[in-house]
């Protein structure tokens, strides 16, 4: 047997940053209107009419946050996954993927939460531009206003990231073993869609509470996650926790197929580039 090749964590980190940033931006740009519809469905109370105009409202500002947030997530997830897979036995690889997904989500939340707050306030028509949204939120609510719903975001996104990436990775492992070959782009996309749709459906109630807390503004209708849950149950009933379920499954399912398809293709291209540079370097040494 040959000596096991050590993992270059710098390359893994850089590759994750590049691939994650590209995949995140592509998904947001393509599926933003569905996300807007989902947010407006969750934000309205009772029989309020949903506004169908401006479905791309806040896209530019959101992309400015999604790019670094996705880069930080994958830049954390990929090297953490590699380290944990070396620590855990092979039969506990799912635990490594779950843990790496949660850690990646926690690391990127510093950027993702303000981005989400601004995006959802613009999607619900509270502000006309991202700079205005940031300026007025800070003026009226303080810097903490940009992190409205932070706890609910973590409660939704840490399990979401952990479950989605664990499902995706485990399904890919099982498929590779069954097929006895590497997966192609359509197969990665289908697995990503399935993992995204399942995870999106499971976390919809948490997403409803996160949306309500983020868009409430200085009115402070809800005093926290528990109060939000109790108020929704008392005033609107349990069915509200499934508001936006259809658009969320559609958005995250399609988004998962695009994200993981683009991610794996980008990682492959970067890996081929590294291999090409390594071959050139070895050739030059021999000359």
C-alpha atoms as a PDB file:
ATOM      1  CA  UNK A   1       0.000   0.000   0.000  1.00  0.00           C
ATOM      2  CA  UNK A   2       1.190   3.533  -0.802  1.00  0.00           C
ATOM      3  CA  UNK A   3       1.701   6.163   1.828  1.00  0.00           C
ATOM      4  CA  UNK A   4      -1.467   8.166   2.562  1.00  0.00           C
ATOM      5  CA  UNK A   5      -1.227  11.591   0.992  1.00  0.00           C
ATOM      6  CA  UNK A   6      -1.519  14.368   3.624  1.00  0.00           C
ATOM      7  CA  UNK A   7      -4.394  16.818   3.286  1.00  0.00           C
ATOM      8  CA  UNK A   8      -3.391  20.331   2.264  1.00  0.00           C
ATOM      9  CA  UNK A   9      -5.808  22.285   4.454  1.00  0.00           C
ATOM     10  CA  UNK A  10      -4.820  25.611   2.857  1.00  0.00           C
ATOM     11  CA  UNK A  11      -5.926  24.294  -0.531  1.00  0.00           C
ATOM     12  CA  UNK A  12      -9.093  22.814   1.006  1.00  0.00           C
ATOM     13  CA  UNK A  13      -9.888  26.142   2.684  1.00  0.00           C
ATOM     14  CA  UNK A  14      -9.278  28.213  -0.449  1.00  0.00           C
ATOM     15  CA  UNK A  15     -11.180  25.767  -2.646  1.00  0.00           C
ATOM     16  CA  UNK A  16     -14.140  25.846  -0.247  1.00  0.00           C
ATOM     17  CA  UNK A  17     -14.157  29.642  -0.170  1.00  0.00           C
ATOM     18  CA  UNK A  18     -14.168  29.930  -3.972  1.00  0.00           C
ATOM     19  CA  UNK A  19     -16.650  27.116  -4.628  1.00  0.00           C
ATOM     20  CA  UNK A  20     -18.985  28.204  -1.834  1.00  0.00           C
ATOM     21  CA  UNK A  21     -19.038  31.828  -2.928  1.00  0.00           C
ATOM     22  CA  UNK A  22     -19.814  30.948  -6.545  1.00  0.00           C
ATOM     23  CA  UNK A  23     -22.507  28.389  -5.662  1.00  0.00           C
ATOM     24  CA  UNK A  24     -24.203  30.703  -3.158  1.00  0.00           C
ATOM     25  CA  UNK A  25     -24.403  33.640  -5.565  1.00  0.00           C
ATOM     26  CA  UNK A  26     -25.760  31.497  -8.424  1.00  0.00           C
ATOM     27  CA  UNK A  27     -28.568  30.093  -6.243  1.00  0.00           C
ATOM     28  CA  UNK A  28     -29.610  33.485  -4.859  1.00  0.00           C
ATOM     29  CA  UNK A  29     -29.603  35.176  -8.249  1.00  0.00           C
ATOM     30  CA  UNK A  30     -31.705  32.450  -9.895  1.00  0.00           C
ATOM     31  CA  UNK A  31     -34.231  31.725  -7.133  1.00  0.00           C
ATOM     32  CA  UNK A  32     -34.629  35.062  -5.357  1.00  0.00           C
ATOM     33  CA  UNK A  33     -38.298  35.632  -6.413  1.00  0.00           C
ATOM     34  CA  UNK A  34     -39.373  32.321  -4.834  1.00  0.00           C
ATOM     35  CA  UNK A  35     -37.622  33.302  -1.611  1.00  0.00           C
ATOM     36  CA  UNK A  36     -39.406  36.670  -1.670  1.00  0.00           C
ATOM     37  CA  UNK A  37     -42.813  34.996  -2.046  1.00  0.00           C
ATOM     38  CA  UNK A  38     -41.972  32.635   0.836  1.00  0.00           C
ATOM     39  CA  UNK A  39     -40.946  35.533   3.078  1.00  0.00           C
ATOM     40  CA  UNK A  40     -44.101  37.541   2.313  1.00  0.00           C
ATOM     41  CA  UNK A  41     -46.325  34.531   2.985  1.00  0.00           C
ATOM     42  CA  UNK A  42     -44.705  34.033   6.372  1.00  0.00           C
ATOM     43  CA  UNK A  43     -44.690  37.718   7.312  1.00  0.00           C
ATOM     44  CA  UNK A  44     -48.384  38.497   6.731  1.00  0.00           C
ATOM     45  CA  UNK A  45     -50.889  38.163   9.570  1.00  0.00           C
ATOM     46  CA  UNK A  46     -54.372  36.749   9.148  1.00  0.00           C
ATOM     47  CA  UNK A  47     -55.925  37.541   5.778  1.00  0.00           C
ATOM     48  CA  UNK A  48     -53.560  40.324   4.712  1.00  0.00           C
ATOM     49  CA  UNK A  49     -53.028  40.540   0.959  1.00  0.00           C
ATOM     50  CA  UNK A  50     -49.584  39.544  -0.293  1.00  0.00           C
ATOM     51  CA  UNK A  51     -47.753  42.080  -2.496  1.00  0.00           C
ATOM     52  CA  UNK A  52     -46.629  40.429  -5.735  1.00  0.00           C
ATOM     53  CA  UNK A  53     -44.601  43.355  -7.075  1.00  0.00           C
ATOM     54  CA  UNK A  54     -40.872  43.809  -6.570  1.00  0.00           C
ATOM     55  CA  UNK A  55     -39.972  40.134  -6.264  1.00  0.00           C
ATOM     56  CA  UNK A  56     -36.308  41.032  -6.836  1.00  0.00           C
ATOM     57  CA  UNK A  57     -36.343  43.755  -4.173  1.00  0.00           C
ATOM     58  CA  UNK A  58     -33.087  43.653  -2.209  1.00  0.00           C
ATOM     59  CA  UNK A  59     -31.285  41.247  -4.546  1.00  0.00           C
ATOM     60  CA  UNK A  60     -28.147  43.363  -5.051  1.00  0.00           C
ATOM     61  CA  UNK A  61     -27.632  43.949  -1.341  1.00  0.00           C
ATOM     62  CA  UNK A  62     -28.326  40.299  -0.614  1.00  0.00           C
ATOM     63  CA  UNK A  63     -25.740  39.102  -3.131  1.00  0.00           C
ATOM     64  CA  UNK A  64     -23.182  41.386  -1.482  1.00  0.00           C
ATOM     65  CA  UNK A  65     -23.745  39.458   1.756  1.00  0.00           C
ATOM     66  CA  UNK A  66     -24.314  35.987   0.303  1.00  0.00           C
ATOM     67  CA  UNK A  67     -20.947  35.899  -1.455  1.00  0.00           C
ATOM     68  CA  UNK A  68     -18.799  36.262   1.700  1.00  0.00           C
ATOM     69  CA  UNK A  69     -21.270  34.277   3.847  1.00  0.00           C
ATOM     70  CA  UNK A  70     -21.228  31.277   1.485  1.00  0.00           C
ATOM     71  CA  UNK A  71     -17.461  31.565   1.169  1.00  0.00           C
ATOM     72  CA  UNK A  72     -17.042  31.561   4.960  1.00  0.00           C
ATOM     73  CA  UNK A  73     -19.431  28.612   5.330  1.00  0.00           C
ATOM     74  CA  UNK A  74     -17.696  26.364   2.792  1.00  0.00           C
ATOM     75  CA  UNK A  75     -14.275  27.680   3.789  1.00  0.00           C
ATOM     76  CA  UNK A  76     -15.039  26.442   7.306  1.00  0.00           C
ATOM     77  CA  UNK A  77     -17.014  23.316   6.404  1.00  0.00           C
ATOM     78  CA  UNK A  78     -14.580  21.676   3.981  1.00  0.00           C
ATOM     79  CA  UNK A  79     -11.404  21.712   6.136  1.00  0.00           C
ATOM     80  CA  UNK A  80     -13.434  20.923   9.279  1.00  0.00           C
ATOM     81  CA  UNK A  81     -15.041  17.962   7.502  1.00  0.00           C
ATOM     82  CA  UNK A  82     -11.633  16.647   6.418  1.00  0.00           C
ATOM     83  CA  UNK A  83     -10.246  16.927   9.955  1.00  0.00           C
ATOM     84  CA  UNK A  84     -13.263  15.236  11.554  1.00  0.00           C
ATOM     85  CA  UNK A  85     -13.293  12.412   9.006  1.00  0.00           C
ATOM     86  CA  UNK A  86      -9.707  11.625  10.033  1.00  0.00           C
ATOM     87  CA  UNK A  87     -10.730  11.626  13.722  1.00  0.00           C
ATOM     88  CA  UNK A  88     -14.010   9.680  13.552  1.00  0.00           C
ATOM     89  CA  UNK A  89     -14.140   6.027  12.409  1.00  0.00           C
ATOM     90  CA  UNK A  90     -15.637   5.428   8.967  1.00  0.00           C
ATOM     91  CA  UNK A  91     -18.973   4.201  10.367  1.00  0.00           C
ATOM     92  CA  UNK A  92     -19.422   7.583  12.117  1.00  0.00           C
ATOM     93  CA  UNK A  93     -18.817   9.737   9.034  1.00  0.00           C
ATOM     94  CA  UNK A  94     -22.372  11.099   9.352  1.00  0.00           C
ATOM     95  CA  UNK A  95     -21.436  12.609  12.718  1.00  0.00           C
ATOM     96  CA  UNK A  96     -18.441  14.313  11.101  1.00  0.00           C
ATOM     97  CA  UNK A  97     -20.685  15.803   8.398  1.00  0.00           C
ATOM     98  CA  UNK A  98     -23.318  16.916  10.949  1.00  0.00           C
ATOM     99  CA  UNK A  99     -20.714  18.587  13.147  1.00  0.00           C
ATOM    100  CA  UNK A 100     -18.899  20.276  10.263  1.00  0.00           C
ATOM    101  CA  UNK A 101     -22.199  21.605   8.891  1.00  0.00           C
ATOM    102  CA  UNK A 102     -23.182  23.100  12.251  1.00  0.00           C
ATOM    103  CA  UNK A 103     -19.754  24.694  12.746  1.00  0.00           C
ATOM    104  CA  UNK A 104     -19.834  26.138   9.224  1.00  0.00           C
ATOM    105  CA  UNK A 105     -23.283  27.588   9.884  1.00  0.00           C
ATOM    106  CA  UNK A 106     -22.180  29.158  13.164  1.00  0.00           C
ATOM    107  CA  UNK A 107     -19.099  30.730  11.551  1.00  0.00           C
ATOM    108  CA  UNK A 108     -21.058  32.237   8.650  1.00  0.00           C
ATOM    109  CA  UNK A 109     -23.961  33.471  10.817  1.00  0.00           C
ATOM    110  CA  UNK A 110     -22.049  36.666  11.651  1.00  0.00           C
ATOM    111  CA  UNK A 111     -22.499  37.694   8.012  1.00  0.00           C
ATOM    112  CA  UNK A 112     -25.654  35.779   7.150  1.00  0.00           C
ATOM    113  CA  UNK A 113     -27.897  37.264   9.863  1.00  0.00           C
ATOM    114  CA  UNK A 114     -27.494  40.983   8.947  1.00  0.00           C
ATOM    115  CA  UNK A 115     -27.800  40.002   5.279  1.00  0.00           C
ATOM    116  CA  UNK A 116     -31.015  38.110   6.009  1.00  0.00           C
ATOM    117  CA  UNK A 117     -32.469  40.925   8.140  1.00  0.00           C
ATOM    118  CA  UNK A 118     -31.879  43.541   5.428  1.00  0.00           C
ATOM    119  CA  UNK A 119     -33.113  41.198   2.684  1.00  0.00           C
ATOM    120  CA  UNK A 120     -36.354  40.304   4.450  1.00  0.00           C
ATOM    121  CA  UNK A 121     -37.123  43.905   5.436  1.00  0.00           C
ATOM    122  CA  UNK A 122     -36.741  44.865   1.765  1.00  0.00           C
ATOM    123  CA  UNK A 123     -38.758  41.872   0.571  1.00  0.00           C
ATOM    124  CA  UNK A 124     -41.643  42.991   2.787  1.00  0.00           C
ATOM    125  CA  UNK A 125     -41.468  46.549   1.433  1.00  0.00           C
ATOM    126  CA  UNK A 126     -40.027  48.308   4.499  1.00  0.00           C
ATOM    127  CA  UNK A 127     -37.037  49.818   2.660  1.00  0.00           C
ATOM    128  CA  UNK A 128     -36.184  50.776  -0.916  1.00  0.00           C
ATOM    129  CA  UNK A 129     -32.444  50.028  -0.884  1.00  0.00           C
ATOM    130  CA  UNK A 130     -29.916  48.050   1.153  1.00  0.00           C
ATOM    131  CA  UNK A 131     -27.875  51.115   2.247  1.00  0.00           C
ATOM    132  CA  UNK A 132     -31.072  52.834   3.444  1.00  0.00           C
ATOM    133  CA  UNK A 133     -32.130  49.671   5.251  1.00  0.00           C
ATOM    134  CA  UNK A 134     -28.816  49.368   7.107  1.00  0.00           C
ATOM    135  CA  UNK A 135     -28.727  53.087   7.992  1.00  0.00           C
ATOM    136  CA  UNK A 136     -32.325  53.267   9.244  1.00  0.00           C
ATOM    137  CA  UNK A 137     -32.223  49.965  11.127  1.00  0.00           C
ATOM    138  CA  UNK A 138     -29.108  51.097  13.016  1.00  0.00           C
ATOM    139  CA  UNK A 139     -30.621  54.565  13.623  1.00  0.00           C
ATOM    140  CA  UNK A 140     -33.932  53.235  14.998  1.00  0.00           C
ATOM    141  CA  UNK A 141     -32.911  49.949  16.608  1.00  0.00           C
ATOM    142  CA  UNK A 142     -29.179  50.268  17.137  1.00  0.00           C
ATOM    143  CA  UNK A 143     -26.569  47.864  15.794  1.00  0.00           C
ATOM    144  CA  UNK A 144     -28.479  45.048  17.496  1.00  0.00           C
ATOM    145  CA  UNK A 145     -31.288  45.605  14.986  1.00  0.00           C
ATOM    146  CA  UNK A 146     -29.116  44.042  12.285  1.00  0.00           C
ATOM    147  CA  UNK A 147     -29.047  40.884  14.381  1.00  0.00           C
ATOM    148  CA  UNK A 148     -32.788  40.723  15.064  1.00  0.00           C
ATOM    149  CA  UNK A 149     -33.867  37.110  15.345  1.00  0.00           C
ATOM    150  CA  UNK A 150     -30.286  35.891  15.739  1.00  0.00           C
ATOM    151  CA  UNK A 151     -31.234  33.116  18.168  1.00  0.00           C
ATOM    152  CA  UNK A 152     -34.075  31.937  15.925  1.00  0.00           C
ATOM    153  CA  UNK A 153     -31.706  32.055  12.950  1.00  0.00           C
ATOM    154  CA  UNK A 154     -29.230  29.800  14.750  1.00  0.00           C
ATOM    155  CA  UNK A 155     -32.032  27.524  15.902  1.00  0.00           C
ATOM    156  CA  UNK A 156     -33.136  27.147  12.274  1.00  0.00           C
ATOM    157  CA  UNK A 157     -29.859  27.270  10.371  1.00  0.00           C
ATOM    158  CA  UNK A 158     -27.522  25.189  12.523  1.00  0.00           C
ATOM    159  CA  UNK A 159     -29.738  22.093  12.306  1.00  0.00           C
ATOM    160  CA  UNK A 160     -30.583  22.987   8.691  1.00  0.00           C
ATOM    161  CA  UNK A 161     -26.932  23.187   7.638  1.00  0.00           C
ATOM    162  CA  UNK A 162     -26.014  20.094   9.637  1.00  0.00           C
ATOM    163  CA  UNK A 163     -28.894  17.955   8.315  1.00  0.00           C
ATOM    164  CA  UNK A 164     -28.711  19.153   4.699  1.00  0.00           C
ATOM    165  CA  UNK A 165     -24.974  18.602   4.304  1.00  0.00           C
ATOM    166  CA  UNK A 166     -25.059  15.315   6.226  1.00  0.00           C
ATOM    167  CA  UNK A 167     -27.904  14.010   4.027  1.00  0.00           C
ATOM    168  CA  UNK A 168     -26.121  15.149   0.895  1.00  0.00           C
ATOM    169  CA  UNK A 169     -22.747  13.671   1.841  1.00  0.00           C
ATOM    170  CA  UNK A 170     -24.197  10.354   3.056  1.00  0.00           C
ATOM    171  CA  UNK A 171     -26.382   9.941  -0.038  1.00  0.00           C
ATOM    172  CA  UNK A 172     -23.363  10.616  -2.258  1.00  0.00           C
ATOM    173  CA  UNK A 173     -21.297   8.038  -0.355  1.00  0.00           C
ATOM    174  CA  UNK A 174     -24.041   5.426  -0.672  1.00  0.00           C
ATOM    175  CA  UNK A 175     -24.599   6.163  -4.360  1.00  0.00           C
ATOM    176  CA  UNK A 176     -20.859   6.006  -5.122  1.00  0.00           C
ATOM    177  CA  UNK A 177     -20.579   2.636  -3.399  1.00  0.00           C
ATOM    178  CA  UNK A 178     -23.610   1.260  -5.278  1.00  0.00           C
ATOM    179  CA  UNK A 179     -22.546   2.672  -8.650  1.00  0.00           C
ATOM    180  CA  UNK A 180     -18.816   1.901  -8.090  1.00  0.00           C
ATOM    181  CA  UNK A 181     -17.833   5.182  -9.745  1.00  0.00           C
ATOM    182  CA  UNK A 182     -17.765   8.937  -9.185  1.00  0.00           C
ATOM    183  CA  UNK A 183     -21.038  10.824  -9.587  1.00  0.00           C
ATOM    184  CA  UNK A 184     -21.757  13.069 -12.556  1.00  0.00           C
ATOM    185  CA  UNK A 185     -23.237  16.580 -12.430  1.00  0.00           C
ATOM    186  CA  UNK A 186     -26.933  15.599 -12.833  1.00  0.00           C
ATOM    187  CA  UNK A 187     -26.586  12.979 -10.085  1.00  0.00           C
ATOM    188  CA  UNK A 188     -25.015  15.496  -7.697  1.00  0.00           C
ATOM    189  CA  UNK A 189     -27.814  17.940  -8.534  1.00  0.00           C
ATOM    190  CA  UNK A 190     -30.587  15.393  -7.888  1.00  0.00           C
ATOM    191  CA  UNK A 191     -29.091  14.360  -4.544  1.00  0.00           C
ATOM    192  CA  UNK A 192     -28.683  18.029  -3.603  1.00  0.00           C
ATOM    193  CA  UNK A 193     -32.325  18.738  -4.486  1.00  0.00           C
ATOM    194  CA  UNK A 194     -33.561  15.833  -2.372  1.00  0.00           C
ATOM    195  CA  UNK A 195     -31.414  16.797   0.631  1.00  0.00           C
ATOM    196  CA  UNK A 196     -32.506  20.438   0.356  1.00  0.00           C
ATOM    197  CA  UNK A 197     -36.230  19.716  -0.010  1.00  0.00           C
ATOM    198  CA  UNK A 198     -36.342  17.312   2.954  1.00  0.00           C
ATOM    199  CA  UNK A 199     -34.362  19.660   5.199  1.00  0.00           C
ATOM    200  CA  UNK A 200     -36.395  22.693   4.094  1.00  0.00           C
ATOM    201  CA  UNK A 201     -39.674  20.962   4.969  1.00  0.00           C
ATOM    202  CA  UNK A 202     -38.448  19.864   8.406  1.00  0.00           C
ATOM    203  CA  UNK A 203     -37.249  23.364   9.374  1.00  0.00           C
ATOM    204  CA  UNK A 204     -40.216  25.403   8.040  1.00  0.00           C
ATOM    205  CA  UNK A 205     -41.764  26.122  11.502  1.00  0.00           C
ATOM    206  CA  UNK A 206     -38.415  27.502  12.677  1.00  0.00           C
ATOM    207  CA  UNK A 207     -38.180  29.558   9.486  1.00  0.00           C
ATOM    208  CA  UNK A 208     -41.604  31.131  10.136  1.00  0.00           C
ATOM    209  CA  UNK A 209     -40.517  32.306  13.593  1.00  0.00           C
ATOM    210  CA  UNK A 210     -37.194  33.555  12.240  1.00  0.00           C
ATOM    211  CA  UNK A 211     -38.996  35.604   9.581  1.00  0.00           C
ATOM    212  CA  UNK A 212     -41.452  37.135  12.074  1.00  0.00           C
ATOM    213  CA  UNK A 213     -38.653  38.149  14.445  1.00  0.00           C
ATOM    214  CA  UNK A 214     -36.499  39.617  11.682  1.00  0.00           C
ATOM    215  CA  UNK A 215     -39.195  41.724   9.983  1.00  0.00           C
ATOM    216  CA  UNK A 216     -40.973  43.067  13.075  1.00  0.00           C
ATOM    217  CA  UNK A 217     -38.710  46.135  13.332  1.00  0.00           C
ATOM    218  CA  UNK A 218     -38.826  48.490  16.339  1.00  0.00           C
ATOM    219  CA  UNK A 219     -42.467  47.561  17.112  1.00  0.00           C
ATOM    220  CA  UNK A 220     -41.193  44.510  19.013  1.00  0.00           C
ATOM    221  CA  UNK A 221     -44.411  42.551  18.731  1.00  0.00           C
ATOM    222  CA  UNK A 222     -42.450  39.491  19.796  1.00  0.00           C
ATOM    223  CA  UNK A 223     -40.082  39.578  22.774  1.00  0.00           C
ATOM    224  CA  UNK A 224     -38.105  36.528  21.781  1.00  0.00           C
ATOM    225  CA  UNK A 225     -38.379  33.081  20.280  1.00  0.00           C
ATOM    226  CA  UNK A 226     -40.633  31.550  22.951  1.00  0.00           C
ATOM    227  CA  UNK A 227     -42.940  34.581  23.035  1.00  0.00           C
ATOM    228  CA  UNK A 228     -43.123  34.534  19.229  1.00  0.00           C
ATOM    229  CA  UNK A 229     -44.114  30.864  19.252  1.00  0.00           C
ATOM    230  CA  UNK A 230     -46.753  31.389  21.961  1.00  0.00           C
ATOM    231  CA  UNK A 231     -48.204  34.495  20.266  1.00  0.00           C
ATOM    232  CA  UNK A 232     -48.511  32.809  16.877  1.00  0.00           C
ATOM    233  CA  UNK A 233     -50.204  29.778  18.446  1.00  0.00           C
ATOM    234  CA  UNK A 234     -52.631  31.945  20.453  1.00  0.00           C
ATOM    235  CA  UNK A 235     -53.530  34.481  17.757  1.00  0.00           C
ATOM    236  CA  UNK A 236     -53.230  32.518  14.494  1.00  0.00           C
ATOM    237  CA  UNK A 237     -53.154  28.825  15.255  1.00  0.00           C
ATOM    238  CA  UNK A 238     -50.625  26.042  14.607  1.00  0.00           C
ATOM    239  CA  UNK A 239     -51.204  25.971  10.828  1.00  0.00           C
ATOM    240  CA  UNK A 240     -49.274  29.249  10.532  1.00  0.00           C
ATOM    241  CA  UNK A 241     -46.056  27.383  11.315  1.00  0.00           C
ATOM    242  CA  UNK A 242     -46.337  25.769   7.881  1.00  0.00           C
ATOM    243  CA  UNK A 243     -46.788  29.072   6.024  1.00  0.00           C
ATOM    244  CA  UNK A 244     -44.570  29.242   2.967  1.00  0.00           C
ATOM    245  CA  UNK A 245     -43.958  25.478   3.049  1.00  0.00           C
ATOM    246  CA  UNK A 246     -44.525  25.021  -0.687  1.00  0.00           C
ATOM    247  CA  UNK A 247     -42.311  27.907  -1.858  1.00  0.00           C
ATOM    248  CA  UNK A 248     -39.672  26.947   0.728  1.00  0.00           C
ATOM    249  CA  UNK A 249     -39.480  23.327  -0.462  1.00  0.00           C
ATOM    250  CA  UNK A 250     -39.448  24.501  -4.089  1.00  0.00           C
ATOM    251  CA  UNK A 251     -36.816  27.169  -3.392  1.00  0.00           C
ATOM    252  CA  UNK A 252     -34.503  25.005  -1.320  1.00  0.00           C
ATOM    253  CA  UNK A 253     -35.039  21.901  -3.456  1.00  0.00           C
ATOM    254  CA  UNK A 254     -34.157  23.680  -6.693  1.00  0.00           C
ATOM    255  CA  UNK A 255     -31.545  25.695  -4.812  1.00  0.00           C
ATOM    256  CA  UNK A 256     -29.977  22.502  -3.468  1.00  0.00           C
ATOM    257  CA  UNK A 257     -29.700  21.048  -6.959  1.00  0.00           C
ATOM    258  CA  UNK A 258     -28.070  24.213  -8.296  1.00  0.00           C
ATOM    259  CA  UNK A 259     -25.869  24.803  -5.229  1.00  0.00           C
ATOM    260  CA  UNK A 260     -24.436  21.304  -4.956  1.00  0.00           C
ATOM    261  CA  UNK A 261     -24.197  20.895  -8.732  1.00  0.00           C
ATOM    262  CA  UNK A 262     -22.243  24.141  -9.064  1.00  0.00           C
ATOM    263  CA  UNK A 263     -20.249  23.344  -5.911  1.00  0.00           C
ATOM    264  CA  UNK A 264     -19.047  19.940  -7.086  1.00  0.00           C
ATOM    265  CA  UNK A 265     -18.304  21.189 -10.611  1.00  0.00           C
ATOM    266  CA  UNK A 266     -16.330  24.167  -9.236  1.00  0.00           C
ATOM    267  CA  UNK A 267     -14.397  21.938  -6.825  1.00  0.00           C
ATOM    268  CA  UNK A 268     -13.574  19.560  -9.673  1.00  0.00           C
ATOM    269  CA  UNK A 269     -12.331  22.379 -11.910  1.00  0.00           C
ATOM    270  CA  UNK A 270     -10.197  23.792  -9.089  1.00  0.00           C
ATOM    271  CA  UNK A 271      -8.810  20.327  -8.328  1.00  0.00           C
ATOM    272  CA  UNK A 272      -7.915  19.804 -11.987  1.00  0.00           C
ATOM    273  CA  UNK A 273      -6.176  23.181 -11.984  1.00  0.00           C
ATOM    274  CA  UNK A 274      -4.147  22.194  -8.911  1.00  0.00           C
ATOM    275  CA  UNK A 275      -3.208  18.874 -10.558  1.00  0.00           C
ATOM    276  CA  UNK A 276      -2.156  20.656 -13.743  1.00  0.00           C
ATOM    277  CA  UNK A 277       0.040  23.095 -11.814  1.00  0.00           C
ATOM    278  CA  UNK A 278       1.549  20.235  -9.806  1.00  0.00           C
ATOM    279  CA  UNK A 279       2.353  18.305 -13.002  1.00  0.00           C
ATOM    280  CA  UNK A 280       3.977  21.390 -14.536  1.00  0.00           C
ATOM    281  CA  UNK A 281       6.021  21.901 -11.373  1.00  0.00           C
ATOM    282  CA  UNK A 282       7.213  18.283 -11.359  1.00  0.00           C
ATOM    283  CA  UNK A 283       8.122  18.525 -15.051  1.00  0.00           C
ATOM    284  CA  UNK A 284      10.175  21.676 -14.446  1.00  0.00           C
ATOM    285  CA  UNK A 285      12.043  19.936 -11.605  1.00  0.00           C
ATOM    286  CA  UNK A 286      13.011  17.108 -13.934  1.00  0.00           C
ATOM    287  CA  UNK A 287      14.398  19.480 -16.584  1.00  0.00           C
END
